[in-house]
Amino acid sequence: MDSYLCVNIPVKMITYTDLDGKITPMRFQFADADGSLVTVKIERIISSDQPKSKIGATFECASTVYGMEKRFKLYYSSMSRRWCVERIDG
């Protein structure tokens, strides 16, 4: 997975948005190297940056993928309405 998911990989995302517009990512899917979809449930949000004046939001999250804990930096672009994984650690 580390060699396949390096930076800026588009993902399918499911989120929760509260009445104030605060976004909480819940889970996402990405296509693995063999083309199969992998679903990742976000177990922990470490930090988030959702300024009202910016055109996007970033989230630092942790999840277990393939039996190992990974930290993800997720980015949402409100202009393109797309999510991507910017970085994976662990």
N, C-alpha and C. Protein backbone atom coordinates (compact mmCIF):
# COMPACT_ATOMS: atom_id res chain seq x y z
N MET A 1 0.80 -1.19 0.00
CA MET A 1 0.00 0.00 0.00
C MET A 1 0.85 1.25 0.00
N ASP A 2 1.95 1.28 0.73
CA ASP A 2 2.76 2.49 0.81
C ASP A 2 3.29 2.91 -0.55
N SER A 3 3.64 1.95 -1.39
CA SER A 3 4.17 2.32 -2.69
C SER A 3 3.06 2.80 -3.62
N TYR A 4 1.83 2.34 -3.40
CA TYR A 4 0.74 2.74 -4.27
C TYR A 4 0.14 4.08 -3.85
N LEU A 5 -0.13 4.23 -2.55
CA LEU A 5 -0.73 5.46 -2.06
C LEU A 5 0.34 6.38 -1.52
N CYS A 6 0.86 7.22 -2.35
CA CYS A 6 1.90 8.15 -1.90
C CYS A 6 1.32 9.51 -1.61
N VAL A 7 0.85 10.19 -2.62
CA VAL A 7 0.27 11.53 -2.43
C VAL A 7 -0.84 11.78 -3.42
N ASN A 8 -1.79 12.62 -3.02
CA ASN A 8 -2.85 13.12 -3.88
C ASN A 8 -3.62 12.04 -4.63
N ILE A 9 -4.03 11.02 -3.88
CA ILE A 9 -4.84 9.95 -4.45
C ILE A 9 -6.32 10.29 -4.22
N PRO A 10 -7.14 10.37 -5.28
CA PRO A 10 -8.56 10.67 -5.08
C PRO A 10 -9.25 9.52 -4.35
N VAL A 11 -10.20 9.88 -3.48
CA VAL A 11 -10.92 8.87 -2.71
C VAL A 11 -12.42 9.19 -2.72
N LYS A 12 -13.23 8.14 -2.52
CA LYS A 12 -14.66 8.31 -2.25
C LYS A 12 -14.78 8.52 -0.76
N MET A 13 -15.54 9.50 -0.32
CA MET A 13 -15.60 9.84 1.10
C MET A 13 -17.05 9.89 1.59
N ILE A 14 -17.26 9.41 2.81
CA ILE A 14 -18.53 9.59 3.50
C ILE A 14 -18.24 10.45 4.72
N THR A 15 -19.03 11.53 4.86
CA THR A 15 -18.81 12.47 5.95
C THR A 15 -20.11 12.74 6.70
N TYR A 16 -19.95 13.37 7.84
CA TYR A 16 -21.07 13.92 8.60
C TYR A 16 -20.83 15.42 8.65
N THR A 17 -21.85 16.20 8.36
CA THR A 17 -21.73 17.66 8.43
C THR A 17 -22.79 18.17 9.39
N ASP A 18 -22.35 18.93 10.40
CA ASP A 18 -23.31 19.43 11.39
C ASP A 18 -23.99 20.71 10.90
N LEU A 19 -24.86 21.27 11.71
CA LEU A 19 -25.64 22.45 11.32
C LEU A 19 -24.78 23.69 11.10
N ASP A 20 -23.60 23.73 11.70
CA ASP A 20 -22.68 24.86 11.53
C ASP A 20 -21.77 24.68 10.32
N GLY A 21 -21.89 23.56 9.61
CA GLY A 21 -21.05 23.32 8.44
C GLY A 21 -19.76 22.59 8.75
N LYS A 22 -19.54 22.19 9.99
CA LYS A 22 -18.33 21.46 10.35
C LYS A 22 -18.39 20.05 9.77
N ILE A 23 -17.34 19.67 9.04
CA ILE A 23 -17.26 18.37 8.37
C ILE A 23 -16.53 17.38 9.27
N THR A 24 -17.07 16.17 9.37
CA THR A 24 -16.40 15.08 10.08
C THR A 24 -16.30 13.90 9.12
N PRO A 25 -15.08 13.56 8.65
CA PRO A 25 -14.94 12.40 7.77
C PRO A 25 -15.19 11.11 8.56
N MET A 26 -15.94 10.18 7.96
CA MET A 26 -16.30 8.94 8.62
C MET A 26 -15.55 7.73 8.04
N ARG A 27 -15.57 7.62 6.72
CA ARG A 27 -14.85 6.52 6.05
C ARG A 27 -14.62 6.90 4.59
N PHE A 28 -13.64 6.23 3.98
CA PHE A 28 -13.37 6.50 2.58
C PHE A 28 -12.97 5.22 1.87
N GLN A 29 -13.00 5.27 0.55
CA GLN A 29 -12.60 4.14 -0.30
C GLN A 29 -11.57 4.62 -1.30
N PHE A 30 -10.64 3.72 -1.61
CA PHE A 30 -9.68 3.99 -2.67
C PHE A 30 -9.47 2.71 -3.46
N ALA A 31 -9.00 2.86 -4.68
CA ALA A 31 -8.71 1.71 -5.52
C ALA A 31 -7.29 1.24 -5.23
N ASP A 32 -7.16 -0.04 -4.87
CA ASP A 32 -5.87 -0.63 -4.58
C ASP A 32 -5.11 -0.86 -5.89
N ALA A 33 -3.86 -1.29 -5.78
CA ALA A 33 -3.01 -1.49 -6.96
C ALA A 33 -3.63 -2.48 -7.94
N ASP A 34 -4.41 -3.46 -7.42
CA ASP A 34 -5.03 -4.44 -8.32
C ASP A 34 -6.41 -3.99 -8.79
N GLY A 35 -6.83 -2.77 -8.41
CA GLY A 35 -8.10 -2.22 -8.86
C GLY A 35 -9.27 -2.47 -7.93
N SER A 36 -9.07 -3.26 -6.87
CA SER A 36 -10.16 -3.51 -5.94
C SER A 36 -10.33 -2.33 -4.99
N LEU A 37 -11.58 -2.08 -4.58
CA LEU A 37 -11.87 -0.98 -3.67
C LEU A 37 -11.58 -1.41 -2.23
N VAL A 38 -10.87 -0.56 -1.51
CA VAL A 38 -10.56 -0.78 -0.11
C VAL A 38 -11.29 0.28 0.70
N THR A 39 -12.07 -0.15 1.70
CA THR A 39 -12.80 0.77 2.56
C THR A 39 -12.02 0.98 3.86
N VAL A 40 -11.84 2.24 4.23
CA VAL A 40 -11.11 2.59 5.44
C VAL A 40 -12.04 3.36 6.36
N LYS A 41 -12.30 2.81 7.55
CA LYS A 41 -13.12 3.50 8.55
C LYS A 41 -12.18 4.38 9.36
N ILE A 42 -12.49 5.65 9.46
CA ILE A 42 -11.64 6.57 10.22
C ILE A 42 -11.89 6.33 11.70
N GLU A 43 -10.85 5.87 12.38
CA GLU A 43 -10.97 5.52 13.79
C GLU A 43 -10.73 6.71 14.70
N ARG A 44 -9.93 7.65 14.22
CA ARG A 44 -9.56 8.78 15.08
C ARG A 44 -9.22 9.98 14.22
N ILE A 45 -9.75 11.14 14.58
CA ILE A 45 -9.36 12.39 13.93
C ILE A 45 -8.37 13.07 14.87
N ILE A 46 -7.15 13.20 14.41
CA ILE A 46 -6.08 13.76 15.24
C ILE A 46 -6.15 15.29 15.23
N SER A 47 -6.37 15.86 14.06
CA SER A 47 -6.52 17.31 13.96
C SER A 47 -7.31 17.64 12.71
N SER A 48 -7.88 18.84 12.70
CA SER A 48 -8.58 19.30 11.51
C SER A 48 -8.40 20.81 11.38
N ASP A 49 -8.42 21.26 10.15
CA ASP A 49 -8.32 22.69 9.86
C ASP A 49 -9.44 23.00 8.87
N GLN A 50 -10.47 23.71 9.35
CA GLN A 50 -11.63 24.03 8.53
C GLN A 50 -11.96 25.52 8.64
N PRO A 51 -11.05 26.38 8.24
CA PRO A 51 -11.36 27.81 8.33
C PRO A 51 -12.50 28.19 7.39
N LYS A 52 -13.39 29.04 7.86
CA LYS A 52 -14.55 29.43 7.06
C LYS A 52 -14.18 30.26 5.84
N SER A 53 -13.01 30.91 5.87
CA SER A 53 -12.62 31.77 4.76
C SER A 53 -11.83 31.04 3.68
N LYS A 54 -11.43 29.79 3.93
CA LYS A 54 -10.64 29.06 2.95
C LYS A 54 -11.51 28.24 2.01
N ILE A 55 -10.89 27.70 0.99
CA ILE A 55 -11.63 26.94 -0.01
C ILE A 55 -11.45 25.44 0.15
N GLY A 56 -11.06 25.01 1.34
CA GLY A 56 -10.89 23.58 1.57
C GLY A 56 -10.73 23.29 3.04
N ALA A 57 -10.55 22.02 3.34
CA ALA A 57 -10.35 21.58 4.71
C ALA A 57 -9.35 20.44 4.72
N THR A 58 -8.53 20.37 5.76
CA THR A 58 -7.58 19.27 5.91
C THR A 58 -7.86 18.54 7.22
N PHE A 59 -7.59 17.24 7.20
CA PHE A 59 -7.82 16.39 8.35
C PHE A 59 -6.63 15.44 8.51
N GLU A 60 -6.14 15.31 9.71
CA GLU A 60 -5.12 14.34 10.07
C GLU A 60 -5.86 13.23 10.81
N CYS A 61 -5.86 12.01 10.26
CA CYS A 61 -6.67 10.92 10.81
C CYS A 61 -5.82 9.66 10.98
N ALA A 62 -6.33 8.72 11.79
CA ALA A 62 -5.67 7.44 11.97
C ALA A 62 -6.69 6.33 11.75
N SER A 63 -6.23 5.24 11.12
CA SER A 63 -7.07 4.08 10.83
C SER A 63 -6.20 2.85 10.74
N THR A 64 -6.83 1.70 10.87
CA THR A 64 -6.14 0.43 10.66
C THR A 64 -6.42 -0.02 9.24
N VAL A 65 -5.36 -0.22 8.47
CA VAL A 65 -5.47 -0.67 7.08
C VAL A 65 -4.52 -1.84 6.90
N TYR A 66 -5.03 -2.94 6.37
CA TYR A 66 -4.24 -4.15 6.19
C TYR A 66 -3.59 -4.59 7.50
N GLY A 67 -4.30 -4.39 8.62
CA GLY A 67 -3.82 -4.83 9.91
C GLY A 67 -2.78 -3.93 10.56
N MET A 68 -2.48 -2.78 9.95
CA MET A 68 -1.48 -1.86 10.51
C MET A 68 -2.11 -0.48 10.68
N GLU A 69 -1.74 0.21 11.78
CA GLU A 69 -2.25 1.57 11.96
C GLU A 69 -1.52 2.52 11.03
N LYS A 70 -2.30 3.33 10.35
CA LYS A 70 -1.76 4.32 9.42
C LYS A 70 -2.34 5.68 9.78
N ARG A 71 -1.55 6.71 9.56
CA ARG A 71 -2.02 8.10 9.71
C ARG A 71 -2.16 8.69 8.33
N PHE A 72 -3.27 9.36 8.10
CA PHE A 72 -3.60 9.93 6.80
C PHE A 72 -3.76 11.43 6.92
N LYS A 73 -3.34 12.15 5.91
CA LYS A 73 -3.70 13.55 5.77
C LYS A 73 -4.69 13.61 4.61
N LEU A 74 -5.92 13.97 4.93
CA LEU A 74 -6.98 14.05 3.94
C LEU A 74 -7.25 15.51 3.61
N TYR A 75 -7.60 15.78 2.36
CA TYR A 75 -7.89 17.14 1.94
C TYR A 75 -9.19 17.17 1.16
N TYR A 76 -10.04 18.14 1.48
CA TYR A 76 -11.28 18.37 0.74
C TYR A 76 -11.18 19.73 0.06
N SER A 77 -11.39 19.76 -1.25
CA SER A 77 -11.42 21.00 -2.01
C SER A 77 -12.88 21.37 -2.24
N SER A 78 -13.32 22.49 -1.67
CA SER A 78 -14.71 22.90 -1.87
C SER A 78 -14.95 23.42 -3.28
N MET A 79 -13.90 23.85 -3.96
CA MET A 79 -14.07 24.33 -5.34
C MET A 79 -14.34 23.16 -6.29
N SER A 80 -13.57 22.09 -6.18
CA SER A 80 -13.76 20.93 -7.05
C SER A 80 -14.70 19.89 -6.45
N ARG A 81 -15.01 20.05 -5.13
CA ARG A 81 -15.85 19.10 -4.40
C ARG A 81 -15.25 17.71 -4.42
N ARG A 82 -13.95 17.62 -4.26
CA ARG A 82 -13.25 16.33 -4.28
C ARG A 82 -12.41 16.14 -3.04
N TRP A 83 -12.28 14.88 -2.66
CA TRP A 83 -11.43 14.47 -1.55
C TRP A 83 -10.21 13.75 -2.09
N CYS A 84 -9.09 13.90 -1.39
CA CYS A 84 -7.90 13.13 -1.74
C CYS A 84 -7.09 12.85 -0.47
N VAL A 85 -6.29 11.80 -0.56
CA VAL A 85 -5.32 11.51 0.48
C VAL A 85 -4.03 12.20 0.06
N GLU A 86 -3.56 13.14 0.87
CA GLU A 86 -2.35 13.88 0.55
C GLU A 86 -1.09 13.16 1.04
N ARG A 87 -1.23 12.42 2.14
CA ARG A 87 -0.03 11.79 2.71
C ARG A 87 -0.46 10.60 3.57
N ILE A 88 0.41 9.59 3.63
CA ILE A 88 0.19 8.44 4.51
C ILE A 88 1.48 8.22 5.30
N ASP A 89 1.35 8.07 6.60
CA ASP A 89 2.49 7.76 7.47
C ASP A 89 2.21 6.45 8.18
N GLY A 90 3.28 5.77 8.52
CA GLY A 90 3.12 4.56 9.32
C GLY A 90 3.20 3.36 8.51
